C-alpha atoms as a PDB file:
ATOM      1  CA  MET A   1      26.567   7.350  16.330  1.00  0.00           C
ATOM      2  CA  ALA A   2      25.143   4.947  13.760  1.00  0.00           C
ATOM      3  CA  ASP A   3      25.953   4.984  10.090  1.00  0.00           C
ATOM      4  CA  ILE A   4      22.459   3.623   9.504  1.00  0.00           C
ATOM      5  CA  LEU A   5      19.459   3.927  11.833  1.00  0.00           C
ATOM      6  CA  ILE A   6      16.385   1.693  11.418  1.00  0.00           C
ATOM      7  CA  SER A   7      13.409   3.203  13.268  1.00  0.00           C
ATOM      8  CA  GLU A   8      10.863   0.403  12.674  1.00  0.00           C
ATOM      9  CA  ASN A   9      10.722  -3.398  12.719  1.00  0.00           C
ATOM     10  CA  ILE A  10      12.848  -4.195   9.675  1.00  0.00           C
ATOM     11  CA  ARG A  11      15.014  -7.292   9.965  1.00  0.00           C
ATOM     12  CA  GLY A  12      16.395 -10.102   7.838  1.00  0.00           C
ATOM     13  CA  ASP A  13      19.435 -11.364   6.008  1.00  0.00           C
ATOM     14  CA  ALA A  14      19.840  -8.113   4.084  1.00  0.00           C
ATOM     15  CA  VAL A  15      20.057  -6.125   7.314  1.00  0.00           C
ATOM     16  CA  ASP A  16      22.617  -8.605   8.654  1.00  0.00           C
ATOM     17  CA  THR A  17      24.657  -8.193   5.475  1.00  0.00           C
ATOM     18  CA  LEU A  18      24.449  -4.407   5.752  1.00  0.00           C
ATOM     19  CA  SER A  19      25.637  -4.628   9.375  1.00  0.00           C
ATOM     20  CA  LYS A  20      28.859  -6.280   8.235  1.00  0.00           C
ATOM     21  CA  ARG A  21      29.847  -3.147   6.342  1.00  0.00           C
ATOM     22  CA  PHE A  22      28.249  -0.350   8.357  1.00  0.00           C
ATOM     23  CA  ASN A  23      27.318   0.448  11.926  1.00  0.00           C
ATOM     24  CA  VAL A  24      23.587  -0.339  11.857  1.00  0.00           C
ATOM     25  CA  VAL A  25      21.370   0.434  14.847  1.00  0.00           C
ATOM     26  CA  THR A  26      17.852  -1.038  14.867  1.00  0.00           C
ATOM     27  CA  MET A  27      15.281   0.535  17.204  1.00  0.00           C
ATOM     28  CA  PRO A  28      11.883  -0.927  16.189  1.00  0.00           C
ATOM     29  CA  ASP A  29       9.798   1.414  18.363  1.00  0.00           C
ATOM     30  CA  LEU A  30      11.748   4.612  17.782  1.00  0.00           C
ATOM     31  CA  TRP A  31       9.084   5.911  15.394  1.00  0.00           C
ATOM     32  CA  ARG A  32       6.749   6.330  18.373  1.00  0.00           C
ATOM     33  CA  ASP A  33       8.938   9.088  19.913  1.00  0.00           C
ATOM     34  CA  PRO A  34       9.760  11.949  17.519  1.00  0.00           C
ATOM     35  CA  ALA A  35      12.042  13.651  20.057  1.00  0.00           C
ATOM     36  CA  ALA A  36      14.071  10.484  20.581  1.00  0.00           C
ATOM     37  CA  LEU A  37      14.222   9.963  16.821  1.00  0.00           C
ATOM     38  CA  ALA A  38      15.555  13.480  16.324  1.00  0.00           C
ATOM     39  CA  HIS A  39      18.220  12.821  18.942  1.00  0.00           C
ATOM     40  CA  GLU A  40      19.284   9.501  17.416  1.00  0.00           C
ATOM     41  CA  LEU A  41      19.538  11.056  13.952  1.00  0.00           C
ATOM     42  CA  GLN A  42      22.307  13.381  15.036  1.00  0.00           C
ATOM     43  CA  GLY A  43      25.444  12.036  13.391  1.00  0.00           C
ATOM     44  CA  THR A  44      23.499   9.394  11.433  1.00  0.00           C
ATOM     45  CA  ARG A  45      24.030   9.227   7.667  1.00  0.00           C
ATOM     46  CA  ALA A  46      21.136   6.945   6.673  1.00  0.00           C
ATOM     47  CA  LEU A  47      17.643   6.253   7.999  1.00  0.00           C
ATOM     48  CA  ILE A  48      15.513   3.235   6.991  1.00  0.00           C
ATOM     49  CA  ILE A  49      11.777   3.336   7.736  1.00  0.00           C
ATOM     50  CA  ARG A  50       8.427   1.778   6.866  1.00  0.00           C
ATOM     51  CA  ASN A  51       5.164   3.734   6.982  1.00  0.00           C
ATOM     52  CA  GLN A  52       5.026   4.614  10.683  1.00  0.00           C
ATOM     53  CA  THR A  53       7.967   7.014  10.967  1.00  0.00           C
ATOM     54  CA  GLN A  54       6.875  10.556  10.162  1.00  0.00           C
ATOM     55  CA  ILE A  55       9.529  12.431   8.209  1.00  0.00           C
ATOM     56  CA  THR A  56       8.822  16.130   8.627  1.00  0.00           C
ATOM     57  CA  ASP A  57      10.617  19.359   7.873  1.00  0.00           C
ATOM     58  CA  ASP A  58      11.149  19.936  11.608  1.00  0.00           C
ATOM     59  CA  LEU A  59      12.725  16.497  12.021  1.00  0.00           C
ATOM     60  CA  LEU A  60      15.080  17.011   9.099  1.00  0.00           C
ATOM     61  CA  ARG A  61      16.279  20.321  10.513  1.00  0.00           C
ATOM     62  CA  THR A  62      17.963  18.315  13.266  1.00  0.00           C
ATOM     63  CA  ALA A  63      19.391  15.636  10.953  1.00  0.00           C
ATOM     64  CA  ASN A  64      22.404  17.550   9.688  1.00  0.00           C
ATOM     65  CA  ASP A  65      24.392  14.453   8.725  1.00  0.00           C
ATOM     66  CA  LEU A  66      21.572  12.537   7.025  1.00  0.00           C
ATOM     67  CA  ILE A  67      22.176  11.941   3.329  1.00  0.00           C
ATOM     68  CA  VAL A  68      19.766   9.127   2.486  1.00  0.00           C
ATOM     69  CA  LEU A  69      16.312   8.006   3.594  1.00  0.00           C
ATOM     70  CA  GLY A  70      15.224   4.495   2.650  1.00  0.00           C
ATOM     71  CA  ARG A  71      11.484   3.778   2.647  1.00  0.00           C
ATOM     72  CA  ALA A  72      10.910   0.011   2.823  1.00  0.00           C
ATOM     73  CA  GLY A  73       7.639  -0.022   0.899  1.00  0.00           C
ATOM     74  CA  VAL A  74       5.715   1.860  -1.757  1.00  0.00           C
ATOM     75  CA  GLY A  75       3.663   4.639  -0.169  1.00  0.00           C
ATOM     76  CA  LEU A  76       5.362   7.905   0.713  1.00  0.00           C
ATOM     77  CA  ASP A  77       2.544   9.719   2.499  1.00  0.00           C
ATOM     78  CA  ASN A  78       4.578   9.703   5.740  1.00  0.00           C
ATOM     79  CA  VAL A  79       7.531  11.443   4.065  1.00  0.00           C
ATOM     80  CA  ASP A  80       7.733  15.171   3.329  1.00  0.00           C
ATOM     81  CA  LEU A  81       9.465  14.844  -0.023  1.00  0.00           C
ATOM     82  CA  LYS A  82       9.811  18.595  -0.528  1.00  0.00           C
ATOM     83  CA  ALA A  83      11.574  18.896   2.810  1.00  0.00           C
ATOM     84  CA  CYS A  84      13.901  16.045   1.841  1.00  0.00           C
ATOM     85  CA  GLU A  85      14.720  17.710  -1.453  1.00  0.00           C
ATOM     86  CA  LYS A  86      15.333  21.038   0.248  1.00  0.00           C
ATOM     87  CA  ALA A  87      17.678  19.342   2.718  1.00  0.00           C
ATOM     88  CA  GLY A  88      19.526  17.545  -0.076  1.00  0.00           C
ATOM     89  CA  ILE A  89      18.506  14.139   1.246  1.00  0.00           C
ATOM     90  CA  ILE A  90      18.189  11.289  -1.222  1.00  0.00           C
ATOM     91  CA  VAL A  91      14.958   9.306  -0.834  1.00  0.00           C
ATOM     92  CA  THR A  92      14.703   5.773  -2.138  1.00  0.00           C
ATOM     93  CA  SER A  93      11.838   3.267  -1.953  1.00  0.00           C
ATOM     94  CA  THR A  94      10.825  -0.206  -3.162  1.00  0.00           C
ATOM     95  CA  PRO A  95       8.199   0.359  -5.862  1.00  0.00           C
ATOM     96  CA  GLU A  96       8.072  -3.159  -7.321  1.00  0.00           C
ATOM     97  CA  GLN A  97       9.063  -5.596  -4.621  1.00  0.00           C
ATOM     98  CA  SER A  98       5.636  -6.083  -2.979  1.00  0.00           C
ATOM     99  CA  THR A  99       3.503  -5.925  -6.134  1.00  0.00           C
ATOM    100  CA  ILE A 100       2.807  -9.644  -6.411  1.00  0.00           C
ATOM    101  CA  SER A 101       1.877 -10.064  -2.761  1.00  0.00           C
ATOM    102  CA  VAL A 102      -0.557  -7.129  -2.763  1.00  0.00           C
ATOM    103  CA  ALA A 103      -2.160  -8.266  -6.010  1.00  0.00           C
ATOM    104  CA  GLU A 104      -2.556 -11.810  -4.691  1.00  0.00           C
ATOM    105  CA  LEU A 105      -4.233 -10.590  -1.508  1.00  0.00           C
ATOM    106  CA  ALA A 106      -6.636  -8.408  -3.510  1.00  0.00           C
ATOM    107  CA  ILE A 107      -7.615 -11.450  -5.566  1.00  0.00           C
ATOM    108  CA  GLY A 108      -7.907 -13.569  -2.421  1.00  0.00           C
ATOM    109  CA  LEU A 109     -10.247 -10.996  -0.896  1.00  0.00           C
ATOM    110  CA  MET A 110     -12.306 -10.914  -4.084  1.00  0.00           C
ATOM    111  CA  ILE A 111     -12.773 -14.682  -4.036  1.00  0.00           C
ATOM    112  CA  SER A 112     -13.529 -14.649  -0.309  1.00  0.00           C
ATOM    113  CA  LEU A 113     -16.221 -12.014  -0.792  1.00  0.00           C
ATOM    114  CA  ALA A 114     -17.755 -13.669  -3.853  1.00  0.00           C
ATOM    115  CA  ARG A 115     -17.945 -17.112  -2.237  1.00  0.00           C
ATOM    116  CA  GLN A 116     -18.430 -15.935   1.374  1.00  0.00           C
ATOM    117  CA  ILE A 117     -15.547 -18.159   2.470  1.00  0.00           C
ATOM    118  CA  PRO A 118     -14.888 -16.666   5.938  1.00  0.00           C
ATOM    119  CA  GLN A 119     -18.595 -16.614   6.797  1.00  0.00           C
ATOM    120  CA  ALA A 120     -19.128 -20.195   5.616  1.00  0.00           C
ATOM    121  CA  ASP A 121     -16.095 -21.363   7.582  1.00  0.00           C
ATOM    122  CA  ALA A 122     -17.246 -19.666  10.801  1.00  0.00           C
ATOM    123  CA  ASP A 123     -20.785 -21.002  10.413  1.00  0.00           C
ATOM    124  CA  THR A 124     -19.653 -24.561   9.712  1.00  0.00           C
ATOM    125  CA  ARG A 125     -17.333 -24.518  12.734  1.00  0.00           C
ATOM    126  CA  GLN A 126     -20.428 -23.866  14.845  1.00  0.00           C
ATOM    127  CA  GLY A 127     -21.843 -27.225  13.733  1.00  0.00           C
ATOM    128  CA  ASN A 128     -24.041 -25.975  10.894  1.00  0.00           C
ATOM    129  CA  TRP A 129     -24.250 -27.236   7.320  1.00  0.00           C
ATOM    130  CA  ASN A 130     -25.850 -24.358   5.387  1.00  0.00           C
ATOM    131  CA  ARG A 131     -25.151 -25.283   1.766  1.00  0.00           C
ATOM    132  CA  GLN A 132     -27.903 -23.061   0.370  1.00  0.00           C
ATOM    133  CA  ARG A 133     -26.938 -20.001   2.413  1.00  0.00           C
ATOM    134  CA  PHE A 134     -23.325 -19.790   1.245  1.00  0.00           C
ATOM    135  CA  GLY A 135     -23.537 -20.468  -2.478  1.00  0.00           C
ATOM    136  CA  GLY A 136     -22.114 -17.090  -3.440  1.00  0.00           C
ATOM    137  CA  THR A 137     -21.555 -15.883  -6.981  1.00  0.00           C
ATOM    138  CA  GLU A 138     -19.203 -16.671  -9.869  1.00  0.00           C
ATOM    139  CA  LEU A 139     -16.560 -14.231 -11.024  1.00  0.00           C
ATOM    140  CA  HIS A 140     -16.445 -15.506 -14.592  1.00  0.00           C
ATOM    141  CA  GLY A 141     -18.069 -13.054 -16.989  1.00  0.00           C
ATOM    142  CA  LYS A 142     -18.128 -10.236 -14.457  1.00  0.00           C
ATOM    143  CA  THR A 143     -16.489  -6.818 -14.797  1.00  0.00           C
ATOM    144  CA  PHE A 144     -13.430  -5.988 -12.703  1.00  0.00           C
ATOM    145  CA  GLY A 145     -12.684  -2.294 -12.229  1.00  0.00           C
ATOM    146  CA  ILE A 146      -9.330  -0.956 -11.037  1.00  0.00           C
ATOM    147  CA  ILE A 147      -9.075   2.556  -9.627  1.00  0.00           C
ATOM    148  CA  GLY A 148      -5.413   3.351 -10.122  1.00  0.00           C
ATOM    149  CA  ALA A 149      -3.571   1.576 -12.919  1.00  0.00           C
ATOM    150  CA  GLY A 150      -0.072   1.502 -11.490  1.00  0.00           C
ATOM    151  CA  ARG A 151       2.056  -1.604 -11.002  1.00  0.00           C
ATOM    152  CA  ILE A 152      -0.189  -3.161  -8.371  1.00  0.00           C
ATOM    153  CA  GLY A 153      -3.447  -2.261 -10.067  1.00  0.00           C
ATOM    154  CA  LEU A 154      -2.258  -3.776 -13.340  1.00  0.00           C
ATOM    155  CA  ALA A 155      -0.935  -6.915 -11.637  1.00  0.00           C
ATOM    156  CA  THR A 156      -4.280  -7.366  -9.886  1.00  0.00           C
ATOM    157  CA  ALA A 157      -6.212  -6.841 -13.105  1.00  0.00           C
ATOM    158  CA  ARG A 158      -4.017  -9.383 -14.892  1.00  0.00           C
ATOM    159  CA  ARG A 159      -4.935 -11.999 -12.300  1.00  0.00           C
ATOM    160  CA  ALA A 160      -8.628 -11.072 -12.430  1.00  0.00           C
ATOM    161  CA  GLN A 161      -8.574 -11.532 -16.200  1.00  0.00           C
ATOM    162  CA  ALA A 162      -7.531 -15.157 -15.641  1.00  0.00           C
ATOM    163  CA  PHE A 163     -10.963 -15.691 -14.071  1.00  0.00           C
ATOM    164  CA  GLY A 164     -12.642 -14.649 -17.307  1.00  0.00           C
ATOM    165  CA  MET A 165     -13.417 -11.135 -16.125  1.00  0.00           C
ATOM    166  CA  SER A 166     -13.429  -8.069 -18.357  1.00  0.00           C
ATOM    167  CA  ILE A 167     -11.296  -5.158 -17.156  1.00  0.00           C
ATOM    168  CA  LEU A 168     -12.126  -1.488 -16.710  1.00  0.00           C
ATOM    169  CA  ALA A 169      -9.521   0.999 -15.520  1.00  0.00           C
ATOM    170  CA  HIS A 170      -9.582   4.568 -14.281  1.00  0.00           C
ATOM    171  CA  ASP A 171      -6.394   6.525 -13.798  1.00  0.00           C
ATOM    172  CA  PRO A 172      -6.036  10.176 -14.865  1.00  0.00           C
ATOM    173  CA  PHE A 173      -2.286   9.676 -15.298  1.00  0.00           C
ATOM    174  CA  VAL A 174      -2.522   6.692 -17.646  1.00  0.00           C
ATOM    175  CA  SER A 175      -3.008   7.039 -21.397  1.00  0.00           C
ATOM    176  CA  ARG A 176      -5.735   5.178 -23.261  1.00  0.00           C
ATOM    177  CA  ASP A 177      -2.873   3.809 -25.358  1.00  0.00           C
ATOM    178  CA  ASN A 178      -1.054   2.315 -22.369  1.00  0.00           C
ATOM    179  CA  VAL A 179       0.539  -0.902 -23.618  1.00  0.00           C
ATOM    180  CA  PHE A 180      -0.041  -2.817 -20.390  1.00  0.00           C
ATOM    181  CA  LEU A 181      -3.746  -2.019 -20.401  1.00  0.00           C
ATOM    182  CA  ALA A 182      -3.870  -2.922 -24.078  1.00  0.00           C
ATOM    183  CA  GLU A 183      -2.419  -6.351 -23.280  1.00  0.00           C
ATOM    184  CA  LEU A 184      -5.317  -6.871 -20.860  1.00  0.00           C
ATOM    185  CA  ASN A 185      -7.832  -5.622 -23.432  1.00  0.00           C
ATOM    186  CA  ALA A 186      -8.834  -3.189 -20.693  1.00  0.00           C
ATOM    187  CA  LYS A 187     -10.999  -0.156 -21.325  1.00  0.00           C
ATOM    188  CA  VAL A 188      -9.943   3.166 -19.814  1.00  0.00           C
ATOM    189  CA  VAL A 189     -13.082   4.861 -18.522  1.00  0.00           C
ATOM    190  CA  THR A 190     -14.142   7.743 -16.335  1.00  0.00           C
ATOM    191  CA  PHE A 191     -14.358   7.319 -12.583  1.00  0.00           C
ATOM    192  CA  GLU A 192     -18.146   7.469 -12.718  1.00  0.00           C
ATOM    193  CA  ASP A 193     -18.364   4.957 -15.556  1.00  0.00           C
ATOM    194  CA  LEU A 194     -16.189   2.489 -13.678  1.00  0.00           C
ATOM    195  CA  LEU A 195     -18.379   2.788 -10.581  1.00  0.00           C
ATOM    196  CA  ASP A 196     -21.532   2.285 -12.637  1.00  0.00           C
ATOM    197  CA  ARG A 197     -20.350  -0.771 -14.578  1.00  0.00           C
ATOM    198  CA  SER A 198     -18.034  -2.779 -12.341  1.00  0.00           C
ATOM    199  CA  ASP A 199     -19.073  -5.886 -10.414  1.00  0.00           C
ATOM    200  CA  VAL A 200     -15.830  -5.834  -8.428  1.00  0.00           C
ATOM    201  CA  ILE A 201     -13.973  -2.597  -7.703  1.00  0.00           C
ATOM    202  CA  SER A 202     -10.366  -2.792  -6.522  1.00  0.00           C
ATOM    203  CA  CYS A 203      -8.767   0.399  -5.250  1.00  0.00           C
ATOM    204  CA  HIS A 204      -5.055   1.074  -5.819  1.00  0.00           C
ATOM    205  CA  LEU A 205      -4.619   4.766  -5.035  1.00  0.00           C
ATOM    206  CA  PRO A 206      -1.899   6.626  -3.142  1.00  0.00           C
ATOM    207  CA  ALA A 207      -2.885   8.922  -0.294  1.00  0.00           C
ATOM    208  CA  SER A 208      -2.888  12.538  -1.416  1.00  0.00           C
ATOM    209  CA  PRO A 209      -5.071  15.642  -1.008  1.00  0.00           C
ATOM    210  CA  GLN A 210      -6.758  14.661  -4.281  1.00  0.00           C
ATOM    211  CA  THR A 211      -7.604  11.108  -3.207  1.00  0.00           C
ATOM    212  CA  VAL A 212      -8.687  11.561   0.421  1.00  0.00           C
ATOM    213  CA  ARG A 213     -12.203  10.077   0.758  1.00  0.00           C
ATOM    214  CA  VAL A 214     -12.669   9.911  -2.996  1.00  0.00           C
ATOM    215  CA  ILE A 215     -14.601   6.703  -2.319  1.00  0.00           C
ATOM    216  CA  ASN A 216     -17.458   8.394  -0.507  1.00  0.00           C
ATOM    217  CA  ALA A 217     -21.248   8.307  -0.256  1.00  0.00           C
ATOM    218  CA  THR A 218     -21.598   9.611  -3.814  1.00  0.00           C
ATOM    219  CA  ALA A 219     -19.293   6.887  -5.099  1.00  0.00           C
ATOM    220  CA  PHE A 220     -21.072   4.102  -3.216  1.00  0.00           C
ATOM    221  CA  ALA A 221     -24.433   5.376  -4.504  1.00  0.00           C
ATOM    222  CA  ARG A 222     -23.265   4.804  -8.075  1.00  0.00           C
ATOM    223  CA  MET A 223     -22.146   1.207  -7.494  1.00  0.00           C
ATOM    224  CA  LYS A 224     -24.303  -1.793  -8.295  1.00  0.00           C
ATOM    225  CA  PRO A 225     -26.193  -3.298  -5.325  1.00  0.00           C
ATOM    226  CA  SER A 226     -24.274  -6.500  -6.124  1.00  0.00           C
ATOM    227  CA  ALA A 227     -20.891  -4.760  -6.227  1.00  0.00           C
ATOM    228  CA  LEU A 228     -17.918  -5.883  -4.161  1.00  0.00           C
ATOM    229  CA  PHE A 229     -15.406  -3.221  -3.082  1.00  0.00           C
ATOM    230  CA  ILE A 230     -11.770  -3.964  -2.179  1.00  0.00           C
ATOM    231  CA  ASN A 231      -9.133  -1.585  -0.837  1.00  0.00           C
ATOM    232  CA  THR A 232      -5.512  -2.668  -0.443  1.00  0.00           C
ATOM    233  CA  SER A 233      -4.003   0.778  -1.037  1.00  0.00           C
ATOM    234  CA  ARG A 234      -4.487   3.506   1.589  1.00  0.00           C
ATOM    235  CA  GLY A 235      -7.258   3.813   4.155  1.00  0.00           C
ATOM    236  CA  GLU A 236      -7.573   7.572   3.700  1.00  0.00           C
ATOM    237  CA  VAL A 237      -9.120   7.164   0.256  1.00  0.00           C
ATOM    238  CA  VAL A 238     -12.313   5.650   1.721  1.00  0.00           C
ATOM    239  CA  ASP A 239     -14.950   7.460   3.770  1.00  0.00           C
ATOM    240  CA  GLU A 240     -15.554   4.726   6.344  1.00  0.00           C
ATOM    241  CA  THR A 241     -18.789   6.274   7.615  1.00  0.00           C
ATOM    242  CA  ALA A 242     -20.181   6.191   4.086  1.00  0.00           C
ATOM    243  CA  LEU A 243     -18.947   2.614   3.666  1.00  0.00           C
ATOM    244  CA  VAL A 244     -20.746   1.517   6.836  1.00  0.00           C
ATOM    245  CA  ASP A 245     -23.944   3.108   5.563  1.00  0.00           C
ATOM    246  CA  ALA A 246     -23.568   1.423   2.168  1.00  0.00           C
ATOM    247  CA  LEU A 247     -23.001  -1.993   3.744  1.00  0.00           C
ATOM    248  CA  LYS A 248     -25.787  -1.684   6.328  1.00  0.00           C
ATOM    249  CA  SER A 249     -28.321  -0.572   3.718  1.00  0.00           C
ATOM    250  CA  ASN A 250     -27.175  -3.224   1.194  1.00  0.00           C
ATOM    251  CA  ARG A 251     -26.294  -0.372  -1.158  1.00  0.00           C
ATOM    252  CA  ILE A 252     -23.349  -2.633  -2.049  1.00  0.00           C
ATOM    253  CA  ALA A 253     -23.032  -6.367  -1.429  1.00  0.00           C
ATOM    254  CA  GLY A 254     -19.714  -6.458   0.370  1.00  0.00           C
ATOM    255  CA  ALA A 255     -16.323  -4.921   1.025  1.00  0.00           C
ATOM    256  CA  ALA A 256     -12.846  -6.004   2.036  1.00  0.00           C
ATOM    257  CA  LEU A 257     -10.315  -3.626   3.590  1.00  0.00           C
ATOM    258  CA  ASP A 258      -6.644  -4.233   4.265  1.00  0.00           C
ATOM    259  CA  VAL A 259      -6.108  -0.579   5.206  1.00  0.00           C
ATOM    260  CA  ARG A 260      -8.011   1.855   7.408  1.00  0.00           C
ATOM    261  CA  GLU A 261      -8.424   5.593   7.889  1.00  0.00           C
ATOM    262  CA  ALA A 262      -6.619   5.275  11.234  1.00  0.00           C
ATOM    263  CA  GLU A 263      -4.234   2.435  11.999  1.00  0.00           C
ATOM    264  CA  PRO A 264      -4.697   0.597  14.199  1.00  0.00           C
ATOM    265  CA  PRO A 265      -8.400   1.536  14.149  1.00  0.00           C
ATOM    266  CA  ALA A 266     -10.667   1.846  17.143  1.00  0.00           C
ATOM    267  CA  LYS A 267     -13.389  -0.792  17.140  1.00  0.00           C
ATOM    268  CA  GLY A 268     -16.496   0.569  15.446  1.00  0.00           C
ATOM    269  CA  GLU A 269     -19.462  -0.397  13.323  1.00  0.00           C
ATOM    270  CA  LEU A 270     -17.381  -1.916  10.541  1.00  0.00           C
ATOM    271  CA  GLU A 271     -16.233  -4.629  12.929  1.00  0.00           C
ATOM    272  CA  THR A 272     -19.849  -5.632  13.585  1.00  0.00           C
ATOM    273  CA  LEU A 273     -20.913  -6.167   9.963  1.00  0.00           C
ATOM    274  CA  SER A 274     -21.002  -9.616   8.374  1.00  0.00           C
ATOM    275  CA  ASN A 275     -20.555  -8.368   4.794  1.00  0.00           C
ATOM    276  CA  VAL A 276     -17.117  -6.845   5.305  1.00  0.00           C
ATOM    277  CA  LEU A 277     -13.708  -8.507   5.607  1.00  0.00           C
ATOM    278  CA  LEU A 278     -11.081  -6.677   7.658  1.00  0.00           C
ATOM    279  CA  MET A 279      -7.344  -7.271   7.491  1.00  0.00           C
ATOM    280  CA  PRO A 280      -4.511  -5.632   9.518  1.00  0.00           C
ATOM    281  CA  HIS A 281      -2.600  -4.001   6.612  1.00  0.00           C
ATOM    282  CA  ILE A 282      -0.782  -7.203   5.621  1.00  0.00           C
ATOM    283  CA  ALA A 283      -0.939  -7.124   1.809  1.00  0.00           C
ATOM    284  CA  ALA A 284       2.813  -6.636   1.417  1.00  0.00           C
ATOM    285  CA  PHE A 285       3.804  -8.752   4.409  1.00  0.00           C
ATOM    286  CA  THR A 286       4.463 -12.118   2.827  1.00  0.00           C
ATOM    287  CA  ARG A 287       7.860 -13.631   3.551  1.00  0.00           C
ATOM    288  CA  GLU A 288       8.866 -13.322  -0.093  1.00  0.00           C
ATOM    289  CA  ALA A 289       7.816  -9.704  -0.512  1.00  0.00           C
ATOM    290  CA  GLN A 290       9.464  -8.598   2.720  1.00  0.00           C
ATOM    291  CA  ALA A 291      12.704 -10.322   1.773  1.00  0.00           C
ATOM    292  CA  ARG A 292      12.685  -8.473  -1.563  1.00  0.00           C
ATOM    293  CA  VAL A 293      11.747  -5.149   0.044  1.00  0.00           C
ATOM    294  CA  THR A 294      14.416  -5.394   2.731  1.00  0.00           C
ATOM    295  CA  ARG A 295      17.103  -6.462   0.272  1.00  0.00           C
ATOM    296  CA  ALA A 296      16.274  -3.678  -2.193  1.00  0.00           C
ATOM    297  CA  ILE A 297      16.235  -0.899   0.386  1.00  0.00           C
ATOM    298  CA  CYS A 298      19.414  -2.089   2.094  1.00  0.00           C
ATOM    299  CA  GLU A 299      21.223  -2.314  -1.229  1.00  0.00           C
ATOM    300  CA  ASP A 300      20.113   1.169  -2.258  1.00  0.00           C
ATOM    301  CA  VAL A 301      21.153   2.714   1.047  1.00  0.00           C
ATOM    302  CA  ALA A 302      24.548   1.026   0.746  1.00  0.00           C
ATOM    303  CA  ARG A 303      24.921   2.383  -2.799  1.00  0.00           C
ATOM    304  CA  VAL A 304      24.368   5.939  -1.596  1.00  0.00           C
ATOM    305  CA  LEU A 305      26.780   5.567   1.313  1.00  0.00           C
ATOM    306  CA  ASP A 306      29.327   4.225  -1.168  1.00  0.00           C
ATOM    307  CA  GLY A 307      28.892   7.331  -3.311  1.00  0.00           C
ATOM    308  CA  GLU A 308      26.849   5.584  -6.007  1.00  0.00           C
ATOM    309  CA  ARG A 309      23.390   6.352  -7.411  1.00  0.00           C
ATOM    310  CA  PRO A 310      20.482   4.354  -5.962  1.00  0.00           C
ATOM    311  CA  MET A 311      18.355   2.105  -8.168  1.00  0.00           C
ATOM    312  CA  ASN A 312      14.993   3.394  -6.955  1.00  0.00           C
ATOM    313  CA  ALA A 313      15.414   7.075  -6.171  1.00  0.00           C
ATOM    314  CA  VAL A 314      12.251   9.048  -5.413  1.00  0.00           C
ATOM    315  CA  VAL A 315      14.149  12.215  -4.623  1.00  0.00           C
ATOM    316  CA  ALA A 316      17.143  11.936  -6.927  1.00  0.00           C
ATOM    317  CA  PRO A 317      20.659  12.631  -5.710  1.00  0.00           C
ATOM    318  CA  PRO A 318      22.244  15.913  -6.831  1.00  0.00           C
ATOM    319  CA  ALA A 319      25.016  15.443  -9.358  1.00  0.00           C
ATOM    320  CA  SER A 320      27.620  16.454  -6.778  1.00  0.00           C
ATOM    321  CA  ARG A 321      26.307  14.195  -4.005  1.00  0.00           C
ATOM    322  CA  ASN A 322      28.518  11.421  -2.707  1.00  0.00           C
ATOM    323  CA  GLY A 323      28.655   9.205   0.347  1.00  0.00           C
ATOM    324  CA  SER A 324      30.508  11.684   2.524  1.00  0.00           C
ATOM    325  CA  LYS A 325      28.869  13.628   5.330  1.00  0.00           C
ATOM    326  CA  LYS A 326      27.395  16.978   4.509  1.00  0.00           C
ATOM    327  CA  GLY A 327      29.513  19.928   5.396  1.00  0.00           C
END
């Protein structure tokens, strides 16, 4: 049996380095077969995943030797953290390593929407020269609203500020005295106020029962007709039917989505609209970010197997935990 099982497509120098010290088995499609995953976990001490592998209480009941779960990424909506804690399994993630890449994509999507770059490119490739049609709008002097003021939201807002935009932020878990928001001269406002006042709204929320479809018909109705909406967080936070209605009726000017309610999504009305940009959940998939993510998760898993504390524990190790198998 493997010391470390990797159930998704996670490769790179850090994995090669880990393989020199431990027996590492990589099965990129294992996440698709829960029964096969449960079988492979028998005797395995560490599991490394992305966002596709579903870690459930039932799965963990079969993983008697598992002591550490490494999530290569930020979101943990595919991991039952309570079940991990109950089973005494350490969970570690990579909360900072993809921040820059996600923030840069959010800004890239904002610019693309404001200046209609993809549409102008496609039209020009057809032999047209429509200078008046694709003028777009400036970002300077506009208001940039972030829903969720965590690491990525703040990094995105910092980059938006460089365009001469004023910053609004909504996050019920962030104080009005937050030093990072203060550095941006950002105003902490209510959810409704942010929707009312922002010219660009960038969503940076985790998936949770509280955030599912929080961006819904009521939210879109409050936005400016000129508003641009961007989501690089989790698809579940947006009601896609309401978004289609808002885009078709010009209730908002445009939207850009890197994430969807279901992934991969079935082709629907969103794919037919010219005022939406659709990406295949690639915000964190730059070469640099993935190298950092892979290195960080491999190093943390190795620390746990060596009996040390991980750097980025989500479910912290018990004081008595070490790298030996559970008895």
